[in-house]
PDB file of N, CA and C in Angstrom:
ATOM      1  N   GLN A   1      95.850  27.885  79.582  1.00  0.00           N
ATOM      2  CA  GLN A   1      95.928  26.448  79.844  1.00  0.00           C
ATOM      3  C   GLN A   1      94.548  25.942  80.274  1.00  0.00           C
ATOM      4  N   VAL A   2      94.085  24.906  79.593  1.00  0.00           N
ATOM      5  CA  VAL A   2      92.772  24.356  79.893  1.00  0.00           C
ATOM      6  C   VAL A   2      92.892  23.349  81.032  1.00  0.00           C
ATOM      7  N   GLN A   3      91.993  23.480  81.995  1.00  0.00           N
ATOM      8  CA  GLN A   3      91.938  22.512  83.082  1.00  0.00           C
ATOM      9  C   GLN A   3      90.501  22.124  83.362  1.00  0.00           C
ATOM     10  N   LEU A   4      90.285  20.831  83.553  1.00  0.00           N
ATOM     11  CA  LEU A   4      89.018  20.304  84.048  1.00  0.00           C
ATOM     12  C   LEU A   4      89.351  19.553  85.323  1.00  0.00           C
ATOM     13  N   VAL A   5      88.798  20.003  86.433  1.00  0.00           N
ATOM     14  CA  VAL A   5      89.149  19.430  87.729  1.00  0.00           C
ATOM     15  C   VAL A   5      87.908  18.822  88.364  1.00  0.00           C
ATOM     16  N   GLU A   6      87.928  17.491  88.500  1.00  0.00           N
ATOM     17  CA  GLU A   6      86.792  16.775  89.100  1.00  0.00           C
ATOM     18  C   GLU A   6      86.963  16.684  90.611  1.00  0.00           C
ATOM     19  N   SER A   7      85.836  16.586  91.277  1.00  0.00           N
ATOM     20  CA  SER A   7      85.836  16.359  92.723  1.00  0.00           C
ATOM     21  C   SER A   7      84.537  15.653  93.109  1.00  0.00           C
ATOM     22  N   GLY A   8      84.526  15.088  94.317  1.00  0.00           N
ATOM     23  CA  GLY A   8      83.300  14.506  94.841  1.00  0.00           C
ATOM     24  C   GLY A   8      83.244  12.994  94.840  1.00  0.00           C
ATOM     25  N   GLY A   9      84.261  12.341  94.303  1.00  0.00           N
ATOM     26  CA  GLY A   9      84.252  10.882  94.323  1.00  0.00           C
ATOM     27  C   GLY A   9      84.485  10.347  95.725  1.00  0.00           C
ATOM     28  N   GLY A  10      84.334   9.029  95.863  1.00  0.00           N
ATOM     29  CA  GLY A  10      84.558   8.422  97.169  1.00  0.00           C
ATOM     30  C   GLY A  10      84.009   7.018  97.236  1.00  0.00           C
ATOM     31  N   LEU A  11      83.962   6.506  98.465  1.00  0.00           N
ATOM     32  CA  LEU A  11      83.453   5.158  98.741  1.00  0.00           C
ATOM     33  C   LEU A  11      82.089   5.274  99.397  1.00  0.00           C
ATOM     34  N   VAL A  12      81.100   4.622  98.800  1.00  0.00           N
ATOM     35  CA  VAL A  12      79.753   4.624  99.357  1.00  0.00           C
ATOM     36  C   VAL A  12      79.189   3.215  99.318  1.00  0.00           C
ATOM     37  N   GLN A  13      78.111   3.009 100.075  1.00  0.00           N
ATOM     38  CA  GLN A  13      77.430   1.720 100.074  1.00  0.00           C
ATOM     39  C   GLN A  13      76.351   1.700  98.988  1.00  0.00           C
ATOM     40  N   PRO A  14      75.963   0.515  98.541  1.00  0.00           N
ATOM     41  CA  PRO A  14      74.871   0.429  97.558  1.00  0.00           C
ATOM     42  C   PRO A  14      73.617   1.150  98.053  1.00  0.00           C
ATOM     43  N   GLY A  15      72.985   1.868  97.138  1.00  0.00           N
ATOM     44  CA  GLY A  15      71.793   2.627  97.468  1.00  0.00           C
ATOM     45  C   GLY A  15      72.043   4.056  97.894  1.00  0.00           C
ATOM     46  N   GLU A  16      73.284   4.379  98.179  1.00  0.00           N
ATOM     47  CA  GLU A  16      73.615   5.743  98.599  1.00  0.00           C
ATOM     48  C   GLU A  16      73.834   6.660  97.395  1.00  0.00           C
ATOM     49  N   SER A  17      74.141   7.920  97.706  1.00  0.00           N
ATOM     50  CA  SER A  17      74.264   8.941  96.671  1.00  0.00           C
ATOM     51  C   SER A  17      75.622   9.629  96.732  1.00  0.00           C
ATOM     52  N   LEU A  18      76.023  10.188  95.598  1.00  0.00           N
ATOM     53  CA  LEU A  18      77.207  11.025  95.498  1.00  0.00           C
ATOM     54  C   LEU A  18      76.928  12.125  94.485  1.00  0.00           C
ATOM     55  N   ARG A  19      77.622  13.255  94.648  1.00  0.00           N
ATOM     56  CA  ARG A  19      77.541  14.328  93.678  1.00  0.00           C
ATOM     57  C   ARG A  19      78.942  14.671  93.200  1.00  0.00           C
ATOM     58  N   LEU A  20      79.172  14.501  91.912  1.00  0.00           N
ATOM     59  CA  LEU A  20      80.447  14.866  91.318  1.00  0.00           C
ATOM     60  C   LEU A  20      80.375  16.280  90.750  1.00  0.00           C
ATOM     61  N   SER A  21      81.489  16.981  90.822  1.00  0.00           N
ATOM     62  CA  SER A  21      81.610  18.312  90.236  1.00  0.00           C
ATOM     63  C   SER A  21      82.832  18.351  89.334  1.00  0.00           C
ATOM     64  N   CYS A  22      82.751  19.182  88.304  1.00  0.00           N
ATOM     65  CA  CYS A  22      83.889  19.383  87.418  1.00  0.00           C
ATOM     66  C   CYS A  22      83.968  20.865  87.100  1.00  0.00           C
ATOM     67  N   ALA A  23      85.036  21.494  87.556  1.00  0.00           N
ATOM     68  CA  ALA A  23      85.243  22.919  87.332  1.00  0.00           C
ATOM     69  C   ALA A  23      86.204  23.111  86.161  1.00  0.00           C
ATOM     70  N   ALA A  24      85.782  23.904  85.184  1.00  0.00           N
ATOM     71  CA  ALA A  24      86.586  24.148  83.992  1.00  0.00           C
ATOM     72  C   ALA A  24      87.215  25.529  84.031  1.00  0.00           C
ATOM     73  N   SER A  25      88.418  25.613  83.492  1.00  0.00           N
ATOM     74  CA  SER A  25      89.087  26.910  83.335  1.00  0.00           C
ATOM     75  C   SER A  25      89.858  26.891  82.025  1.00  0.00           C
ATOM     76  N   GLY A  26      90.069  28.081  81.463  1.00  0.00           N
ATOM     77  CA  GLY A  26      90.828  28.183  80.219  1.00  0.00           C
ATOM     78  C   GLY A  26      90.015  27.994  78.961  1.00  0.00           C
ATOM     79  N   ILE A  27      88.699  27.811  79.084  1.00  0.00           N
ATOM     80  CA  ILE A  27      87.825  27.682  77.927  1.00  0.00           C
ATOM     81  C   ILE A  27      86.606  28.572  78.120  1.00  0.00           C
ATOM     82  N   THR A  28      85.947  28.910  77.008  1.00  0.00           N
ATOM     83  CA  THR A  28      84.656  29.584  77.084  1.00  0.00           C
ATOM     84  C   THR A  28      83.620  28.500  77.291  1.00  0.00           C
ATOM     85  N   PHE A  29      83.279  28.274  78.543  1.00  0.00           N
ATOM     86  CA  PHE A  29      82.515  27.086  78.956  1.00  0.00           C
ATOM     87  C   PHE A  29      81.228  26.921  78.169  1.00  0.00           C
ATOM     88  N   SER A  30      80.547  28.019  77.896  1.00  0.00           N
ATOM     89  CA  SER A  30      79.246  27.931  77.235  1.00  0.00           C
ATOM     90  C   SER A  30      79.351  27.471  75.779  1.00  0.00           C
ATOM     91  N   PHE A  31      80.562  27.451  75.210  1.00  0.00           N
ATOM     92  CA  PHE A  31      80.757  26.980  73.842  1.00  0.00           C
ATOM     93  C   PHE A  31      80.871  25.457  73.773  1.00  0.00           C
ATOM     94  N   TYR A  32      80.862  24.818  74.927  1.00  0.00           N
ATOM     95  CA  TYR A  32      81.167  23.395  74.990  1.00  0.00           C
ATOM     96  C   TYR A  32      79.987  22.562  75.477  1.00  0.00           C
ATOM     97  N   THR A  33      79.817  21.413  74.826  1.00  0.00           N
ATOM     98  CA  THR A  33      79.006  20.350  75.404  1.00  0.00           C
ATOM     99  C   THR A  33      79.888  19.649  76.434  1.00  0.00           C
ATOM    100  N   VAL A  34      79.360  19.465  77.631  1.00  0.00           N
ATOM    101  CA  VAL A  34      80.159  18.840  78.695  1.00  0.00           C
ATOM    102  C   VAL A  34      79.477  17.566  79.158  1.00  0.00           C
ATOM    103  N   GLY A  35      80.289  16.694  79.712  1.00  0.00           N
ATOM    104  CA  GLY A  35      79.699  15.420  80.116  1.00  0.00           C
ATOM    105  C   GLY A  35      80.609  14.615  81.006  1.00  0.00           C
ATOM    106  N   TRP A  36      80.115  13.452  81.356  1.00  0.00           N
ATOM    107  CA  TRP A  36      80.826  12.513  82.226  1.00  0.00           C
ATOM    108  C   TRP A  36      80.941  11.170  81.520  1.00  0.00           C
ATOM    109  N   TYR A  37      82.110  10.595  81.619  1.00  0.00           N
ATOM    110  CA  TYR A  37      82.389   9.253  81.148  1.00  0.00           C
ATOM    111  C   TYR A  37      82.949   8.470  82.327  1.00  0.00           C
ATOM    112  N   ARG A  38      82.949   7.156  82.208  1.00  0.00           N
ATOM    113  CA  ARG A  38      83.528   6.345  83.275  1.00  0.00           C
ATOM    114  C   ARG A  38      84.261   5.147  82.689  1.00  0.00           C
ATOM    115  N   GLN A  39      85.220   4.665  83.453  1.00  0.00           N
ATOM    116  CA  GLN A  39      85.992   3.493  83.041  1.00  0.00           C
ATOM    117  C   GLN A  39      86.204   2.592  84.240  1.00  0.00           C
ATOM    118  N   ALA A  40      85.651   1.400  84.137  1.00  0.00           N
ATOM    119  CA  ALA A  40      85.838   0.393  85.176  1.00  0.00           C
ATOM    120  C   ALA A  40      87.070  -0.446  84.844  1.00  0.00           C
ATOM    121  N   PRO A  41      87.663  -1.104  85.837  1.00  0.00           N
ATOM    122  CA  PRO A  41      88.852  -1.915  85.569  1.00  0.00           C
ATOM    123  C   PRO A  41      88.599  -2.959  84.494  1.00  0.00           C
ATOM    124  N   GLY A  42      89.475  -3.018  83.515  1.00  0.00           N
ATOM    125  CA  GLY A  42      89.360  -4.009  82.461  1.00  0.00           C
ATOM    126  C   GLY A  42      88.323  -3.712  81.406  1.00  0.00           C
ATOM    127  N   LYS A  43      87.699  -2.537  81.489  1.00  0.00           N
ATOM    128  CA  LYS A  43      86.649  -2.183  80.526  1.00  0.00           C
ATOM    129  C   LYS A  43      87.009  -0.900  79.801  1.00  0.00           C
ATOM    130  N   GLN A  44      86.324  -0.659  78.675  1.00  0.00           N
ATOM    131  CA  GLN A  44      86.528   0.571  77.927  1.00  0.00           C
ATOM    132  C   GLN A  44      85.813   1.724  78.594  1.00  0.00           C
ATOM    133  N   ARG A  45      86.310   2.908  78.321  1.00  0.00           N
ATOM    134  CA  ARG A  45      85.638   4.103  78.811  1.00  0.00           C
ATOM    135  C   ARG A  45      84.283   4.213  78.116  1.00  0.00           C
ATOM    136  N   GLU A  46      83.250   4.570  78.904  1.00  0.00           N
ATOM    137  CA  GLU A  46      81.902   4.649  78.350  1.00  0.00           C
ATOM    138  C   GLU A  46      81.237   5.958  78.745  1.00  0.00           C
ATOM    139  N   LEU A  47      80.315   6.380  77.890  1.00  0.00           N
ATOM    140  CA  LEU A  47      79.541   7.584  78.163  1.00  0.00           C
ATOM    141  C   LEU A  47      78.606   7.360  79.338  1.00  0.00           C
ATOM    142  N   VAL A  48      78.526   8.340  80.216  1.00  0.00           N
ATOM    143  CA  VAL A  48      77.542   8.314  81.300  1.00  0.00           C
ATOM    144  C   VAL A  48      76.425   9.313  80.992  1.00  0.00           C
ATOM    145  N   ALA A  49      76.802  10.561  80.753  1.00  0.00           N
ATOM    146  CA  ALA A  49      75.805  11.601  80.480  1.00  0.00           C
ATOM    147  C   ALA A  49      76.477  12.815  79.863  1.00  0.00           C
ATOM    148  N   THR A  50      75.727  13.539  79.040  1.00  0.00           N
ATOM    149  CA  THR A  50      76.216  14.794  78.484  1.00  0.00           C
ATOM    150  C   THR A  50      75.125  15.851  78.578  1.00  0.00           C
ATOM    151  N   ILE A  51      75.548  17.117  78.523  1.00  0.00           N
ATOM    152  CA  ILE A  51      74.606  18.232  78.546  1.00  0.00           C
ATOM    153  C   ILE A  51      75.126  19.334  77.637  1.00  0.00           C
ATOM    154  N   THR A  52      74.261  19.837  76.777  1.00  0.00           N
ATOM    155  CA  THR A  52      74.654  20.889  75.839  1.00  0.00           C
ATOM    156  C   THR A  52      74.507  22.257  76.482  1.00  0.00           C
ATOM    157  N   ARG A  53      74.924  23.267  75.728  1.00  0.00           N
ATOM    158  CA  ARG A  53      74.766  24.644  76.202  1.00  0.00           C
ATOM    159  C   ARG A  53      73.300  24.948  76.483  1.00  0.00           C
ATOM    160  N   GLY A  54      72.427  24.404  75.634  1.00  0.00           N
ATOM    161  CA  GLY A  54      70.997  24.616  75.818  1.00  0.00           C
ATOM    162  C   GLY A  54      70.367  23.669  76.814  1.00  0.00           C
ATOM    163  N   GLU A  55      71.209  22.882  77.502  1.00  0.00           N
ATOM    164  CA  GLU A  55      70.794  21.965  78.573  1.00  0.00           C
ATOM    165  C   GLU A  55      70.007  20.773  78.066  1.00  0.00           C
ATOM    166  N   ALA A  56      70.216  20.413  76.792  1.00  0.00           N
ATOM    167  CA  ALA A  56      69.715  19.122  76.325  1.00  0.00           C
ATOM    168  C   ALA A  56      70.632  18.042  76.886  1.00  0.00           C
ATOM    169  N   THR A  57      70.042  16.961  77.371  1.00  0.00           N
ATOM    170  CA  THR A  57      70.823  15.932  78.045  1.00  0.00           C
ATOM    171  C   THR A  57      70.697  14.585  77.346  1.00  0.00           C
ATOM    172  N   THR A  58      71.741  13.775  77.504  1.00  0.00           N
ATOM    173  CA  THR A  58      71.702  12.385  77.091  1.00  0.00           C
ATOM    174  C   THR A  58      72.256  11.545  78.235  1.00  0.00           C
ATOM    175  N   TYR A  59      71.761  10.334  78.354  1.00  0.00           N
ATOM    176  CA  TYR A  59      72.194   9.429  79.419  1.00  0.00           C
ATOM    177  C   TYR A  59      72.406   8.028  78.872  1.00  0.00           C
ATOM    178  N   ALA A  60      73.362   7.327  79.453  1.00  0.00           N
ATOM    179  CA  ALA A  60      73.476   5.907  79.198  1.00  0.00           C
ATOM    180  C   ALA A  60      72.243   5.217  79.773  1.00  0.00           C
ATOM    181  N   ASP A  61      71.789   4.155  79.110  1.00  0.00           N
ATOM    182  CA  ASP A  61      70.603   3.452  79.597  1.00  0.00           C
ATOM    183  C   ASP A  61      70.788   2.954  81.027  1.00  0.00           C
ATOM    184  N   SER A  62      72.009   2.593  81.366  1.00  0.00           N
ATOM    185  CA  SER A  62      72.281   1.997  82.683  1.00  0.00           C
ATOM    186  C   SER A  62      72.115   2.990  83.836  1.00  0.00           C
ATOM    187  N   VAL A  63      72.093   4.298  83.530  1.00  0.00           N
ATOM    188  CA  VAL A  63      71.990   5.293  84.606  1.00  0.00           C
ATOM    189  C   VAL A  63      70.717   6.121  84.538  1.00  0.00           C
ATOM    190  N   LYS A  64      69.914   5.926  83.501  1.00  0.00           N
ATOM    191  CA  LYS A  64      68.675   6.708  83.359  1.00  0.00           C
ATOM    192  C   LYS A  64      67.782   6.509  84.575  1.00  0.00           C
ATOM    193  N   GLY A  65      67.254   7.624  85.078  1.00  0.00           N
ATOM    194  CA  GLY A  65      66.387   7.570  86.242  1.00  0.00           C
ATOM    195  C   GLY A  65      67.130   7.585  87.565  1.00  0.00           C
ATOM    196  N   ARG A  66      68.458   7.396  87.535  1.00  0.00           N
ATOM    197  CA  ARG A  66      69.244   7.415  88.781  1.00  0.00           C
ATOM    198  C   ARG A  66      70.228   8.585  88.822  1.00  0.00           C
ATOM    199  N   PHE A  67      70.760   8.948  87.666  1.00  0.00           N
ATOM    200  CA  PHE A  67      71.768  10.015  87.589  1.00  0.00           C
ATOM    201  C   PHE A  67      71.150  11.242  86.924  1.00  0.00           C
ATOM    202  N   THR A  68      71.600  12.415  87.353  1.00  0.00           N
ATOM    203  CA  THR A  68      71.170  13.673  86.748  1.00  0.00           C
ATOM    204  C   THR A  68      72.379  14.555  86.496  1.00  0.00           C
ATOM    205  N   ILE A  69      72.523  15.011  85.256  1.00  0.00           N
ATOM    206  CA  ILE A  69      73.607  15.923  84.898  1.00  0.00           C
ATOM    207  C   ILE A  69      73.054  17.339  84.825  1.00  0.00           C
ATOM    208  N   SER A  70      73.859  18.289  85.270  1.00  0.00           N
ATOM    209  CA  SER A  70      73.459  19.695  85.197  1.00  0.00           C
ATOM    210  C   SER A  70      74.716  20.544  85.022  1.00  0.00           C
ATOM    211  N   ARG A  71      74.503  21.793  84.635  1.00  0.00           N
ATOM    212  CA  ARG A  71      75.641  22.687  84.446  1.00  0.00           C
ATOM    213  C   ARG A  71      75.295  24.085  84.939  1.00  0.00           C
ATOM    214  N   ASP A  72      76.321  24.794  85.369  1.00  0.00           N
ATOM    215  CA  ASP A  72      76.198  26.190  85.798  1.00  0.00           C
ATOM    216  C   ASP A  72      77.221  26.974  84.990  1.00  0.00           C
ATOM    217  N   ASN A  73      76.766  27.642  83.926  1.00  0.00           N
ATOM    218  CA  ASN A  73      77.695  28.355  83.046  1.00  0.00           C
ATOM    219  C   ASN A  73      78.361  29.531  83.757  1.00  0.00           C
ATOM    220  N   GLY A  74      77.694  30.085  84.757  1.00  0.00           N
ATOM    221  CA  GLY A  74      78.289  31.185  85.506  1.00  0.00           C
ATOM    222  C   GLY A  74      79.471  30.745  86.345  1.00  0.00           C
ATOM    223  N   LYS A  75      79.463  29.470  86.745  1.00  0.00           N
ATOM    224  CA  LYS A  75      80.545  28.925  87.572  1.00  0.00           C
ATOM    225  C   LYS A  75      81.468  28.011  86.768  1.00  0.00           C
ATOM    226  N   ASN A  76      81.204  27.885  85.461  1.00  0.00           N
ATOM    227  CA  ASN A  76      82.008  26.994  84.602  1.00  0.00           C
ATOM    228  C   ASN A  76      82.095  25.587  85.188  1.00  0.00           C
ATOM    229  N   THR A  77      80.982  25.083  85.654  1.00  0.00           N
ATOM    230  CA  THR A  77      80.976  23.807  86.369  1.00  0.00           C
ATOM    231  C   THR A  77      79.858  22.908  85.858  1.00  0.00           C
ATOM    232  N   VAL A  78      80.171  21.619  85.762  1.00  0.00           N
ATOM    233  CA  VAL A  78      79.175  20.602  85.445  1.00  0.00           C
ATOM    234  C   VAL A  78      79.096  19.641  86.613  1.00  0.00           C
ATOM    235  N   TYR A  79      77.901  19.177  86.886  1.00  0.00           N
ATOM    236  CA  TYR A  79      77.648  18.303  88.031  1.00  0.00           C
ATOM    237  C   TYR A  79      77.054  16.980  87.561  1.00  0.00           C
ATOM    238  N   LEU A  80      77.259  15.955  88.377  1.00  0.00           N
ATOM    239  CA  LEU A  80      76.591  14.673  88.159  1.00  0.00           C
ATOM    240  C   LEU A  80      76.063  14.204  89.504  1.00  0.00           C
ATOM    241  N   GLU A  81      74.756  14.248  89.646  1.00  0.00           N
ATOM    242  CA  GLU A  81      74.100  13.746  90.849  1.00  0.00           C
ATOM    243  C   GLU A  81      73.814  12.276  90.626  1.00  0.00           C
ATOM    244  N   MET A  82      74.355  11.431  91.497  1.00  0.00           N
ATOM    245  CA  MET A  82      74.229   9.985  91.346  1.00  0.00           C
ATOM    246  C   MET A  82      73.470   9.431  92.543  1.00  0.00           C
ATOM    247  N   ASN A  83      72.304   8.866  92.283  1.00  0.00           N
ATOM    248  CA  ASN A  83      71.474   8.279  93.325  1.00  0.00           C
ATOM    249  C   ASN A  83      71.334   6.775  93.117  1.00  0.00           C
ATOM    250  N   SER A  84      70.907   6.097  94.154  1.00  0.00           N
ATOM    251  CA  SER A  84      70.696   4.639  94.091  1.00  0.00           C
ATOM    252  C   SER A  84      71.894   3.938  93.470  1.00  0.00           C
ATOM    253  N   LEU A  85      73.051   4.256  93.985  1.00  0.00           N
ATOM    254  CA  LEU A  85      74.272   3.708  93.397  1.00  0.00           C
ATOM    255  C   LEU A  85      74.349   2.198  93.564  1.00  0.00           C
ATOM    256  N   LYS A  86      74.929   1.564  92.555  1.00  0.00           N
ATOM    257  CA  LYS A  86      75.070   0.109  92.518  1.00  0.00           C
ATOM    258  C   LYS A  86      76.556  -0.245  92.427  1.00  0.00           C
ATOM    259  N   PRO A  87      76.919  -1.452  92.833  1.00  0.00           N
ATOM    260  CA  PRO A  87      78.330  -1.848  92.705  1.00  0.00           C
ATOM    261  C   PRO A  87      78.855  -1.716  91.277  1.00  0.00           C
ATOM    262  N   GLU A  88      77.993  -1.940  90.301  1.00  0.00           N
ATOM    263  CA  GLU A  88      78.441  -1.835  88.906  1.00  0.00           C
ATOM    264  C   GLU A  88      78.687  -0.403  88.457  1.00  0.00           C
ATOM    265  N   ASP A  89      78.373   0.565  89.293  1.00  0.00           N
ATOM    266  CA  ASP A  89      78.721   1.958  89.008  1.00  0.00           C
ATOM    267  C   ASP A  89      80.169   2.274  89.408  1.00  0.00           C
ATOM    268  N   THR A  90      80.820   1.339  90.043  1.00  0.00           N
ATOM    269  CA  THR A  90      82.209   1.543  90.453  1.00  0.00           C
ATOM    270  C   THR A  90      83.097   1.758  89.230  1.00  0.00           C
ATOM    271  N   ALA A  91      83.815   2.874  89.223  1.00  0.00           N
ATOM    272  CA  ALA A  91      84.659   3.235  88.081  1.00  0.00           C
ATOM    273  C   ALA A  91      85.399   4.532  88.399  1.00  0.00           C
ATOM    274  N   VAL A  92      86.333   4.869  87.530  1.00  0.00           N
ATOM    275  CA  VAL A  92      86.895   6.213  87.529  1.00  0.00           C
ATOM    276  C   VAL A  92      86.015   7.055  86.617  1.00  0.00           C
ATOM    277  N   TYR A  93      85.549   8.173  87.131  1.00  0.00           N
ATOM    278  CA  TYR A  93      84.651   9.054  86.375  1.00  0.00           C
ATOM    279  C   TYR A  93      85.455  10.242  85.847  1.00  0.00           C
ATOM    280  N   TYR A  94      85.307  10.492  84.543  1.00  0.00           N
ATOM    281  CA  TYR A  94      86.060  11.548  83.867  1.00  0.00           C
ATOM    282  C   TYR A  94      85.111  12.622  83.344  1.00  0.00           C
ATOM    283  N   CYS A  95      85.502  13.843  83.522  1.00  0.00           N
ATOM    284  CA  CYS A  95      84.797  14.986  82.953  1.00  0.00           C
ATOM    285  C   CYS A  95      85.328  15.248  81.537  1.00  0.00           C
ATOM    286  N   ASN A  96      84.427  15.610  80.644  1.00  0.00           N
ATOM    287  CA  ASN A  96      84.796  15.878  79.252  1.00  0.00           C
ATOM    288  C   ASN A  96      84.138  17.166  78.780  1.00  0.00           C
ATOM    289  N   ALA A  97      84.869  17.938  78.008  1.00  0.00           N
ATOM    290  CA  ALA A  97      84.318  19.142  77.365  1.00  0.00           C
ATOM    291  C   ALA A  97      84.642  19.078  75.884  1.00  0.00           C
ATOM    292  N   ARG A  98      83.604  19.129  75.051  1.00  0.00           N
ATOM    293  CA  ARG A  98      83.779  19.061  73.591  1.00  0.00           C
ATOM    294  C   ARG A  98      83.172  20.308  72.966  1.00  0.00           C
ATOM    295  N   HIS A  99      83.966  21.000  72.136  1.00  0.00           N
ATOM    296  CA  HIS A  99      83.480  22.207  71.490  1.00  0.00           C
ATOM    297  C   HIS A  99      82.251  21.871  70.652  1.00  0.00           C
ATOM    298  N   ARG A 100      81.238  22.711  70.740  1.00  0.00           N
ATOM    299  CA  ARG A 100      79.962  22.364  70.111  1.00  0.00           C
ATOM    300  C   ARG A 100      79.999  22.469  68.597  1.00  0.00           C
ATOM    301  N   ILE A 101      81.000  23.183  68.031  1.00  0.00           N
ATOM    302  CA  ILE A 101      81.124  23.293  66.579  1.00  0.00           C
ATOM    303  C   ILE A 101      82.355  22.535  66.093  1.00  0.00           C
ATOM    304  N   VAL A 102      83.501  22.822  66.676  1.00  0.00           N
ATOM    305  CA  VAL A 102      84.747  22.134  66.308  1.00  0.00           C
ATOM    306  C   VAL A 102      84.856  20.915  67.217  1.00  0.00           C
ATOM    307  N   THR A 103      84.137  19.874  66.865  1.00  0.00           N
ATOM    308  CA  THR A 103      83.985  18.739  67.786  1.00  0.00           C
ATOM    309  C   THR A 103      85.281  17.960  68.000  1.00  0.00           C
ATOM    310  N   SER A 104      86.280  18.202  67.157  1.00  0.00           N
ATOM    311  CA  SER A 104      87.580  17.563  67.382  1.00  0.00           C
ATOM    312  C   SER A 104      88.331  18.215  68.531  1.00  0.00           C
ATOM    313  N   THR A 105      87.868  19.355  68.983  1.00  0.00           N
ATOM    314  CA  THR A 105      88.479  20.044  70.124  1.00  0.00           C
ATOM    315  C   THR A 105      87.783  19.592  71.391  1.00  0.00           C
ATOM    316  N   GLU A 106      88.502  18.829  72.206  1.00  0.00           N
ATOM    317  CA  GLU A 106      87.911  18.339  73.435  1.00  0.00           C
ATOM    318  C   GLU A 106      88.987  18.190  74.500  1.00  0.00           C
ATOM    319  N   TYR A 107      88.547  18.215  75.718  1.00  0.00           N
ATOM    320  CA  TYR A 107      89.436  18.159  76.872  1.00  0.00           C
ATOM    321  C   TYR A 107      88.878  17.175  77.889  1.00  0.00           C
ATOM    322  N   TRP A 108      89.819  16.608  78.672  1.00  0.00           N
ATOM    323  CA  TRP A 108      89.457  15.630  79.698  1.00  0.00           C
ATOM    324  C   TRP A 108      90.025  16.044  81.045  1.00  0.00           C
ATOM    325  N   GLY A 109      89.293  15.695  82.089  1.00  0.00           N
ATOM    326  CA  GLY A 109      89.813  15.833  83.428  1.00  0.00           C
ATOM    327  C   GLY A 109      90.676  14.639  83.795  1.00  0.00           C
ATOM    328  N   GLN A 110      91.209  14.670  85.009  1.00  0.00           N
ATOM    329  CA  GLN A 110      92.124  13.623  85.435  1.00  0.00           C
ATOM    330  C   GLN A 110      91.392  12.405  85.999  1.00  0.00           C
ATOM    331  N   GLY A 111      90.126  12.560  86.294  1.00  0.00           N
ATOM    332  CA  GLY A 111      89.323  11.451  86.804  1.00  0.00           C
ATOM    333  C   GLY A 111      89.181  11.462  88.311  1.00  0.00           C
ATOM    334  N   THR A 112      88.057  10.934  88.775  1.00  0.00           N
ATOM    335  CA  THR A 112      87.807  10.780  90.202  1.00  0.00           C
ATOM    336  C   THR A 112      87.205   9.398  90.439  1.00  0.00           C
ATOM    337  N   GLN A 113      87.702   8.723  91.459  1.00  0.00           N
ATOM    338  CA  GLN A 113      87.275   7.339  91.719  1.00  0.00           C
ATOM    339  C   GLN A 113      85.948   7.317  92.471  1.00  0.00           C
ATOM    340  N   VAL A 114      85.032   6.494  91.977  1.00  0.00           N
ATOM    341  CA  VAL A 114      83.782   6.201  92.676  1.00  0.00           C
ATOM    342  C   VAL A 114      83.741   4.706  92.941  1.00  0.00           C
ATOM    343  N   THR A 115      83.611   4.342  94.198  1.00  0.00           N
ATOM    344  CA  THR A 115      83.549   2.936  94.586  1.00  0.00           C
ATOM    345  C   THR A 115      82.268   2.695  95.366  1.00  0.00           C
ATOM    346  N   VAL A 116      81.488   1.730  94.889  1.00  0.00           N
ATOM    347  CA  VAL A 116      80.227   1.379  95.544  1.00  0.00           C
ATOM    348  C   VAL A 116      80.367  -0.046  96.072  1.00  0.00           C
ATOM    349  N   SER A 117      80.410  -0.171  97.366  1.00  0.00           N
ATOM    350  CA  SER A 117      80.665  -1.477  97.968  1.00  0.00           C
ATOM    351  C   SER A 117      80.114  -1.518  99.387  1.00  0.00           C
ATOM    352  N   SER A 118      79.620  -2.689  99.764  1.00  0.00           N
ATOM    353  CA  SER A 118      79.160  -2.859 101.142  1.00  0.00           C
ATOM    354  C   SER A 118      80.281  -3.435 102.001  1.00  0.00           C
TER     355      SER A 118
END
């Protein structure tokens, strides 16, 4: 059974930082490109960042320079370090794992809420 379990969300003030984690089980983690997506109320889910097995990264323009994605294949975990948070970063953040060859094979976590508010 495949599971992606996110943690680390919460309520922070603008300018503060959070670190999200996503622990995967039931998959050969290194075979997957992993990433983070987010969905704000009333909006579509959008890409935040992805990282390949070879640690090539992509970022949404809105988070470049503030967010950093990383992965630890030994721990089957992907991280999202979020700095200089803004109210517009408020959303449910979802972990995603997509097979690097069979790209139709993908899994999602249950989501973790991030709220940025003063």
